[in-house]
Amino acid sequence: QFLIEQYANNRKVLVIVDEAQNLSAKVLEE
């Protein structure tokens, strides 16, 4: 819902993950 609302309001949403090599396969799937 949050992502759709931001799009409707002409806002861009960026997720940046540092140290991503530590993410598990399950997290990467999410």
PDB file of all heavy atoms in Angstrom:
ATOM      1  N   GLN A   1       0.831  -1.202   0.000  1.00  0.00           N
ATOM      2  CA  GLN A   1       0.000   0.000   0.000  1.00  0.00           C
ATOM      3  C   GLN A   1       0.869   1.257   0.000  1.00  0.00           C
ATOM      4  O   GLN A   1       0.595   2.221  -0.714  1.00  0.00           O
ATOM      5  CB  GLN A   1      -0.929   0.003   1.212  1.00  0.00           C
ATOM      6  CG  GLN A   1      -1.869   1.213   1.249  1.00  0.00           C
ATOM      7  CD  GLN A   1      -2.804   1.179   2.450  1.00  0.00           C
ATOM      8  OE1 GLN A   1      -2.857   0.191   3.188  1.00  0.00           O
ATOM      9  NE2 GLN A   1      -3.564   2.249   2.661  1.00  0.00           N
ATOM     10  N   PHE A   2       1.937   1.238   0.796  1.00  0.00           N
ATOM     11  CA  PHE A   2       2.847   2.385   0.879  1.00  0.00           C
ATOM     12  C   PHE A   2       3.487   2.672  -0.483  1.00  0.00           C
ATOM     13  O   PHE A   2       3.543   3.828  -0.920  1.00  0.00           O
ATOM     14  CB  PHE A   2       3.931   2.127   1.922  1.00  0.00           C
ATOM     15  CG  PHE A   2       5.003   3.180   1.977  1.00  0.00           C
ATOM     16  CD1 PHE A   2       4.787   4.373   2.645  1.00  0.00           C
ATOM     17  CD2 PHE A   2       6.232   2.985   1.343  1.00  0.00           C
ATOM     18  CE1 PHE A   2       5.779   5.355   2.682  1.00  0.00           C
ATOM     19  CE2 PHE A   2       7.218   3.949   1.379  1.00  0.00           C
ATOM     20  CZ  PHE A   2       6.991   5.135   2.056  1.00  0.00           C
ATOM     21  N   LEU A   3       3.953   1.627  -1.152  1.00  0.00           N
ATOM     22  CA  LEU A   3       4.614   1.803  -2.440  1.00  0.00           C
ATOM     23  C   LEU A   3       3.658   2.363  -3.488  1.00  0.00           C
ATOM     24  O   LEU A   3       4.010   3.260  -4.263  1.00  0.00           O
ATOM     25  CB  LEU A   3       5.203   0.474  -2.913  1.00  0.00           C
ATOM     26  CG  LEU A   3       6.364  -0.084  -2.075  1.00  0.00           C
ATOM     27  CD1 LEU A   3       6.747  -1.491  -2.535  1.00  0.00           C
ATOM     28  CD2 LEU A   3       7.568   0.842  -2.131  1.00  0.00           C
ATOM     29  N   ILE A   4       2.443   1.853  -3.509  1.00  0.00           N
ATOM     30  CA  ILE A   4       1.446   2.340  -4.468  1.00  0.00           C
ATOM     31  C   ILE A   4       1.090   3.800  -4.186  1.00  0.00           C
ATOM     32  O   ILE A   4       0.957   4.620  -5.100  1.00  0.00           O
ATOM     33  CB  ILE A   4       0.186   1.454  -4.450  1.00  0.00           C
ATOM     34  CG1 ILE A   4       0.525   0.018  -4.879  1.00  0.00           C
ATOM     35  CG2 ILE A   4      -0.894   2.049  -5.341  1.00  0.00           C
ATOM     36  CD1 ILE A   4       1.059  -0.091  -6.282  1.00  0.00           C
ATOM     37  N   GLU A   5       0.960   4.157  -2.916  1.00  0.00           N
ATOM     38  CA  GLU A   5       0.652   5.538  -2.546  1.00  0.00           C
ATOM     39  C   GLU A   5       1.758   6.490  -2.973  1.00  0.00           C
ATOM     40  O   GLU A   5       1.497   7.595  -3.460  1.00  0.00           O
ATOM     41  CB  GLU A   5       0.406   5.648  -1.045  1.00  0.00           C
ATOM     42  CG  GLU A   5      -0.916   5.048  -0.583  1.00  0.00           C
ATOM     43  CD  GLU A   5      -1.083   5.116   0.926  1.00  0.00           C
ATOM     44  OE1 GLU A   5      -0.095   5.486   1.612  1.00  0.00           O
ATOM     45  OE2 GLU A   5      -2.190   4.790   1.412  1.00  0.00           O
ATOM     46  N   GLN A   6       3.026   6.077  -2.786  1.00  0.00           N
ATOM     47  CA  GLN A   6       4.137   6.939  -3.192  1.00  0.00           C
ATOM     48  C   GLN A   6       4.130   7.149  -4.702  1.00  0.00           C
ATOM     49  O   GLN A   6       4.382   8.257  -5.189  1.00  0.00           O
ATOM     50  CB  GLN A   6       5.470   6.344  -2.734  1.00  0.00           C
ATOM     51  CG  GLN A   6       5.608   6.158  -1.229  1.00  0.00           C
ATOM     52  CD  GLN A   6       5.289   7.419  -0.457  1.00  0.00           C
ATOM     53  OE1 GLN A   6       5.891   8.475  -0.668  1.00  0.00           O
ATOM     54  NE2 GLN A   6       4.304   7.328   0.430  1.00  0.00           N
ATOM     55  N   TYR A   7       3.857   6.091  -5.438  1.00  0.00           N
ATOM     56  CA  TYR A   7       3.786   6.205  -6.894  1.00  0.00           C
ATOM     57  C   TYR A   7       2.675   7.172  -7.305  1.00  0.00           C
ATOM     58  O   TYR A   7       2.854   8.011  -8.194  1.00  0.00           O
ATOM     59  CB  TYR A   7       3.561   4.826  -7.511  1.00  0.00           C
ATOM     60  CG  TYR A   7       3.484   4.838  -9.030  1.00  0.00           C
ATOM     61  CD1 TYR A   7       4.636   4.738  -9.801  1.00  0.00           C
ATOM     62  CD2 TYR A   7       2.255   4.932  -9.673  1.00  0.00           C
ATOM     63  CE1 TYR A   7       4.575   4.734 -11.190  1.00  0.00           C
ATOM     64  CE2 TYR A   7       2.179   4.936 -11.057  1.00  0.00           C
ATOM     65  CZ  TYR A   7       3.342   4.838 -11.807  1.00  0.00           C
ATOM     66  OH  TYR A   7       3.271   4.844 -13.188  1.00  0.00           O
ATOM     67  N   ALA A   8       1.526   7.046  -6.664  1.00  0.00           N
ATOM     68  CA  ALA A   8       0.397   7.921  -6.982  1.00  0.00           C
ATOM     69  C   ALA A   8       0.709   9.386  -6.702  1.00  0.00           C
ATOM     70  O   ALA A   8       0.170  10.285  -7.344  1.00  0.00           O
ATOM     71  CB  ALA A   8      -0.841   7.485  -6.197  1.00  0.00           C
ATOM     72  N   ASN A   9       1.602   9.629  -5.745  1.00  0.00           N
ATOM     73  CA  ASN A   9       1.995  10.990  -5.377  1.00  0.00           C
ATOM     74  C   ASN A   9       3.276  11.440  -6.084  1.00  0.00           C
ATOM     75  O   ASN A   9       3.920  12.405  -5.661  1.00  0.00           O
ATOM     76  CB  ASN A   9       2.163  11.105  -3.867  1.00  0.00           C
ATOM     77  CG  ASN A   9       0.849  11.001  -3.121  1.00  0.00           C
ATOM     78  OD1 ASN A   9      -0.142  11.597  -3.512  1.00  0.00           O
ATOM     79  ND2 ASN A   9       0.825  10.226  -2.048  1.00  0.00           N
ATOM     80  N   ASN A  10       3.660  10.709  -7.145  1.00  0.00           N
ATOM     81  CA  ASN A  10       4.820  11.059  -7.973  1.00  0.00           C
ATOM     82  C   ASN A  10       6.135  11.038  -7.191  1.00  0.00           C
ATOM     83  O   ASN A  10       7.042  11.828  -7.464  1.00  0.00           O
ATOM     84  CB  ASN A  10       4.618  12.426  -8.634  1.00  0.00           C
ATOM     85  CG  ASN A  10       3.460  12.433  -9.622  1.00  0.00           C
ATOM     86  OD1 ASN A  10       3.315  11.510 -10.418  1.00  0.00           O
ATOM     87  ND2 ASN A  10       2.643  13.483  -9.563  1.00  0.00           N
ATOM     88  N   ARG A  11       6.198  10.152  -6.222  1.00  0.00           N
ATOM     89  CA  ARG A  11       7.439   9.971  -5.489  1.00  0.00           C
ATOM     90  C   ARG A  11       8.092   8.652  -5.900  1.00  0.00           C
ATOM     91  O   ARG A  11       7.409   7.656  -6.119  1.00  0.00           O
ATOM     92  CB  ARG A  11       7.198   9.984  -3.980  1.00  0.00           C
ATOM     93  CG  ARG A  11       6.661  11.297  -3.439  1.00  0.00           C
ATOM     94  CD  ARG A  11       6.704  11.288  -1.912  1.00  0.00           C
ATOM     95  NE  ARG A  11       6.050  12.477  -1.352  1.00  0.00           N
ATOM     96  CZ  ARG A  11       4.821  12.487  -0.901  1.00  0.00           C
ATOM     97  NH1 ARG A  11       4.091  11.364  -0.942  1.00  0.00           N
ATOM     98  NH2 ARG A  11       4.301  13.601  -0.400  1.00  0.00           N
ATOM     99  N   LYS A  12       9.401   8.665  -5.992  1.00  0.00           N
ATOM    100  CA  LYS A  12      10.163   7.457  -6.299  1.00  0.00           C
ATOM    101  C   LYS A  12      10.639   6.822  -5.003  1.00  0.00           C
ATOM    102  O   LYS A  12      11.055   7.518  -4.081  1.00  0.00           O
ATOM    103  CB  LYS A  12      11.360   7.805  -7.189  1.00  0.00           C
ATOM    104  CG  LYS A  12      10.993   8.538  -8.485  1.00  0.00           C
ATOM    105  CD  LYS A  12      12.239   8.931  -9.238  1.00  0.00           C
ATOM    106  CE  LYS A  12      11.906   9.665 -10.535  1.00  0.00           C
ATOM    107  NZ  LYS A  12      11.412  11.030 -10.271  1.00  0.00           N
ATOM    108  N   VAL A  13      10.580   5.517  -4.920  1.00  0.00           N
ATOM    109  CA  VAL A  13      11.000   4.798  -3.715  1.00  0.00           C
ATOM    110  C   VAL A  13      12.247   3.971  -4.043  1.00  0.00           C
ATOM    111  O   VAL A  13      12.248   3.176  -4.980  1.00  0.00           O
ATOM    112  CB  VAL A  13       9.889   3.882  -3.174  1.00  0.00           C
ATOM    113  CG1 VAL A  13      10.358   3.187  -1.894  1.00  0.00           C
ATOM    114  CG2 VAL A  13       8.617   4.687  -2.906  1.00  0.00           C
ATOM    115  N   LEU A  14      13.285   4.202  -3.248  1.00  0.00           N
ATOM    116  CA  LEU A  14      14.565   3.514  -3.456  1.00  0.00           C
ATOM    117  C   LEU A  14      14.949   2.756  -2.197  1.00  0.00           C
ATOM    118  O   LEU A  14      14.964   3.325  -1.097  1.00  0.00           O
ATOM    119  CB  LEU A  14      15.660   4.530  -3.794  1.00  0.00           C
ATOM    120  CG  LEU A  14      17.102   4.017  -3.809  1.00  0.00           C
ATOM    121  CD1 LEU A  14      17.313   3.026  -4.945  1.00  0.00           C
ATOM    122  CD2 LEU A  14      18.092   5.179  -3.926  1.00  0.00           C
ATOM    123  N   VAL A  15      15.275   1.489  -2.352  1.00  0.00           N
ATOM    124  CA  VAL A  15      15.836   0.684  -1.281  1.00  0.00           C
ATOM    125  C   VAL A  15      17.282   0.373  -1.642  1.00  0.00           C
ATOM    126  O   VAL A  15      17.552  -0.193  -2.702  1.00  0.00           O
ATOM    127  CB  VAL A  15      15.056  -0.628  -1.070  1.00  0.00           C
ATOM    128  CG1 VAL A  15      15.750  -1.503  -0.023  1.00  0.00           C
ATOM    129  CG2 VAL A  15      13.625  -0.337  -0.645  1.00  0.00           C
ATOM    130  N   ILE A  16      18.194   0.759  -0.771  1.00  0.00           N
ATOM    131  CA  ILE A  16      19.602   0.480  -1.000  1.00  0.00           C
ATOM    132  C   ILE A  16      20.138  -0.313   0.177  1.00  0.00           C
ATOM    133  O   ILE A  16      19.993   0.088   1.338  1.00  0.00           O
ATOM    134  CB  ILE A  16      20.407   1.781  -1.244  1.00  0.00           C
ATOM    135  CG1 ILE A  16      21.858   1.463  -1.592  1.00  0.00           C
ATOM    136  CG2 ILE A  16      20.298   2.751  -0.074  1.00  0.00           C
ATOM    137  CD1 ILE A  16      22.568   2.645  -2.228  1.00  0.00           C
ATOM    138  N   VAL A  17      20.703  -1.463  -0.120  1.00  0.00           N
ATOM    139  CA  VAL A  17      21.178  -2.386   0.904  1.00  0.00           C
ATOM    140  C   VAL A  17      22.690  -2.485   0.805  1.00  0.00           C
ATOM    141  O   VAL A  17      23.223  -2.936  -0.208  1.00  0.00           O
ATOM    142  CB  VAL A  17      20.546  -3.782   0.741  1.00  0.00           C
ATOM    143  CG1 VAL A  17      20.997  -4.699   1.886  1.00  0.00           C
ATOM    144  CG2 VAL A  17      19.023  -3.690   0.710  1.00  0.00           C
ATOM    145  N   ASP A  18      23.391  -2.051   1.846  1.00  0.00           N
ATOM    146  CA  ASP A  18      24.840  -2.200   1.929  1.00  0.00           C
ATOM    147  C   ASP A  18      25.155  -3.487   2.694  1.00  0.00           C
ATOM    148  O   ASP A  18      24.340  -3.965   3.481  1.00  0.00           O
ATOM    149  CB  ASP A  18      25.452  -0.990   2.634  1.00  0.00           C
ATOM    150  CG  ASP A  18      26.943  -0.820   2.333  1.00  0.00           C
ATOM    151  OD1 ASP A  18      27.497  -1.622   1.545  1.00  0.00           O
ATOM    152  OD2 ASP A  18      27.551   0.116   2.885  1.00  0.00           O
ATOM    153  N   GLU A  19      26.313  -4.038   2.442  1.00  0.00           N
ATOM    154  CA  GLU A  19      26.710  -5.325   3.021  1.00  0.00           C
ATOM    155  C   GLU A  19      25.719  -6.425   2.638  1.00  0.00           C
ATOM    156  O   GLU A  19      25.382  -7.315   3.436  1.00  0.00           O
ATOM    157  CB  GLU A  19      26.842  -5.237   4.543  1.00  0.00           C
ATOM    158  CG  GLU A  19      27.836  -4.205   5.041  1.00  0.00           C
ATOM    159  CD  GLU A  19      29.281  -4.541   4.674  1.00  0.00           C
ATOM    160  OE1 GLU A  19      29.578  -5.718   4.393  1.00  0.00           O
ATOM    161  OE2 GLU A  19      30.107  -3.612   4.664  1.00  0.00           O
ATOM    162  N   ALA A  20      25.238  -6.368   1.403  1.00  0.00           N
ATOM    163  CA  ALA A  20      24.200  -7.296   0.952  1.00  0.00           C
ATOM    164  C   ALA A  20      24.688  -8.735   0.840  1.00  0.00           C
ATOM    165  O   ALA A  20      23.871  -9.655   0.726  1.00  0.00           O
ATOM    166  CB  ALA A  20      23.641  -6.831  -0.401  1.00  0.00           C
ATOM    167  N   GLN A  21      25.996  -8.939   0.882  1.00  0.00           N
ATOM    168  CA  GLN A  21      26.511 -10.314   0.813  1.00  0.00           C
ATOM    169  C   GLN A  21      26.092 -11.135   2.028  1.00  0.00           C
ATOM    170  O   GLN A  21      26.133 -12.375   2.008  1.00  0.00           O
ATOM    171  CB  GLN A  21      28.044 -10.325   0.696  1.00  0.00           C
ATOM    172  CG  GLN A  21      28.826 -10.029   1.975  1.00  0.00           C
ATOM    173  CD  GLN A  21      28.925  -8.557   2.267  1.00  0.00           C
ATOM    174  OE1 GLN A  21      28.529  -7.724   1.458  1.00  0.00           O
ATOM    175  NE2 GLN A  21      29.493  -8.224   3.436  1.00  0.00           N
ATOM    176  N   ASN A  22      25.658 -10.469   3.111  1.00  0.00           N
ATOM    177  CA  ASN A  22      25.228 -11.172   4.316  1.00  0.00           C
ATOM    178  C   ASN A  22      23.757 -11.583   4.276  1.00  0.00           C
ATOM    179  O   ASN A  22      23.302 -12.308   5.169  1.00  0.00           O
ATOM    180  CB  ASN A  22      25.472 -10.298   5.551  1.00  0.00           C
ATOM    181  CG  ASN A  22      26.943 -10.035   5.806  1.00  0.00           C
ATOM    182  OD1 ASN A  22      27.791 -10.891   5.554  1.00  0.00           O
ATOM    183  ND2 ASN A  22      27.261  -8.848   6.312  1.00  0.00           N
ATOM    184  N   LEU A  23      23.023 -11.131   3.279  1.00  0.00           N
ATOM    185  CA  LEU A  23      21.611 -11.485   3.191  1.00  0.00           C
ATOM    186  C   LEU A  23      21.459 -12.974   2.889  1.00  0.00           C
ATOM    187  O   LEU A  23      22.137 -13.519   2.025  1.00  0.00           O
ATOM    188  CB  LEU A  23      20.922 -10.667   2.106  1.00  0.00           C
ATOM    189  CG  LEU A  23      20.824  -9.154   2.320  1.00  0.00           C
ATOM    190  CD1 LEU A  23      20.220  -8.495   1.090  1.00  0.00           C
ATOM    191  CD2 LEU A  23      20.006  -8.820   3.554  1.00  0.00           C
ATOM    192  N   SER A  24      20.556 -13.607   3.590  1.00  0.00           N
ATOM    193  CA  SER A  24      20.283 -15.022   3.327  1.00  0.00           C
ATOM    194  C   SER A  24      19.477 -15.170   2.037  1.00  0.00           C
ATOM    195  O   SER A  24      18.893 -14.202   1.527  1.00  0.00           O
ATOM    196  CB  SER A  24      19.518 -15.637   4.497  1.00  0.00           C
ATOM    197  OG  SER A  24      18.205 -15.092   4.572  1.00  0.00           O
ATOM    198  N   ALA A  25      19.419 -16.385   1.534  1.00  0.00           N
ATOM    199  CA  ALA A  25      18.644 -16.656   0.326  1.00  0.00           C
ATOM    200  C   ALA A  25      17.167 -16.324   0.545  1.00  0.00           C
ATOM    201  O   ALA A  25      16.486 -15.827  -0.360  1.00  0.00           O
ATOM    202  CB  ALA A  25      18.822 -18.115  -0.093  1.00  0.00           C
ATOM    203  N   LYS A  26      16.652 -16.576   1.749  1.00  0.00           N
ATOM    204  CA  LYS A  26      15.256 -16.276   2.055  1.00  0.00           C
ATOM    205  C   LYS A  26      14.987 -14.776   2.013  1.00  0.00           C
ATOM    206  O   LYS A  26      13.949 -14.338   1.514  1.00  0.00           O
ATOM    207  CB  LYS A  26      14.878 -16.851   3.421  1.00  0.00           C
ATOM    208  CG  LYS A  26      14.783 -18.378   3.452  1.00  0.00           C
ATOM    209  CD  LYS A  26      14.312 -18.877   4.806  1.00  0.00           C
ATOM    210  CE  LYS A  26      14.154 -20.392   4.811  1.00  0.00           C
ATOM    211  NZ  LYS A  26      13.691 -20.893   6.131  1.00  0.00           N
ATOM    212  N   VAL A  27      15.931 -13.998   2.544  1.00  0.00           N
ATOM    213  CA  VAL A  27      15.763 -12.543   2.517  1.00  0.00           C
ATOM    214  C   VAL A  27      15.828 -12.035   1.075  1.00  0.00           C
ATOM    215  O   VAL A  27      15.029 -11.190   0.661  1.00  0.00           O
ATOM    216  CB  VAL A  27      16.831 -11.852   3.388  1.00  0.00           C
ATOM    217  CG1 VAL A  27      16.725 -10.326   3.229  1.00  0.00           C
ATOM    218  CG2 VAL A  27      16.656 -12.234   4.848  1.00  0.00           C
ATOM    219  N   LEU A  28      16.768 -12.541   0.307  1.00  0.00           N
ATOM    220  CA  LEU A  28      16.886 -12.135  -1.087  1.00  0.00           C
ATOM    221  C   LEU A  28      15.626 -12.485  -1.873  1.00  0.00           C
ATOM    222  O   LEU A  28      15.209 -11.747  -2.768  1.00  0.00           O
ATOM    223  CB  LEU A  28      18.119 -12.785  -1.725  1.00  0.00           C
ATOM    224  CG  LEU A  28      19.463 -12.207  -1.276  1.00  0.00           C
ATOM    225  CD1 LEU A  28      20.620 -13.087  -1.751  1.00  0.00           C
ATOM    226  CD2 LEU A  28      19.648 -10.782  -1.799  1.00  0.00           C
ATOM    227  N   GLU A  29      14.992 -13.577  -1.540  1.00  0.00           N
ATOM    228  CA  GLU A  29      13.742 -13.943  -2.196  1.00  0.00           C
ATOM    229  C   GLU A  29      12.639 -12.943  -1.833  1.00  0.00           C
ATOM    230  O   GLU A  29      11.811 -12.584  -2.680  1.00  0.00           O
ATOM    231  CB  GLU A  29      13.336 -15.359  -1.809  1.00  0.00           C
ATOM    232  CG  GLU A  29      12.039 -15.852  -2.446  1.00  0.00           C
ATOM    233  CD  GLU A  29      12.080 -15.910  -3.957  1.00  0.00           C
ATOM    234  OE1 GLU A  29      13.183 -15.862  -4.549  1.00  0.00           O
ATOM    235  OE2 GLU A  29      10.990 -16.014  -4.565  1.00  0.00           O
ATOM    236  N   GLU A  30      12.627 -12.476  -0.578  1.00  0.00           N
ATOM    237  CA  GLU A  30      11.659 -11.450  -0.176  1.00  0.00           C
ATOM    238  C   GLU A  30      11.906 -10.164  -0.958  1.00  0.00           C
ATOM    239  O   GLU A  30      10.970  -9.478  -1.376  1.00  0.00           O
ATOM    240  CB  GLU A  30      11.757 -11.180   1.324  1.00  0.00           C
ATOM    241  CG  GLU A  30      11.289 -12.322   2.210  1.00  0.00           C
ATOM    242  CD  GLU A  30       9.787 -12.558   2.167  1.00  0.00           C
ATOM    243  OE1 GLU A  30       9.045 -11.744   1.564  1.00  0.00           O
ATOM    244  OE2 GLU A  30       9.339 -13.579   2.730  1.00  0.00           O
TER     245      GLU A  30
END
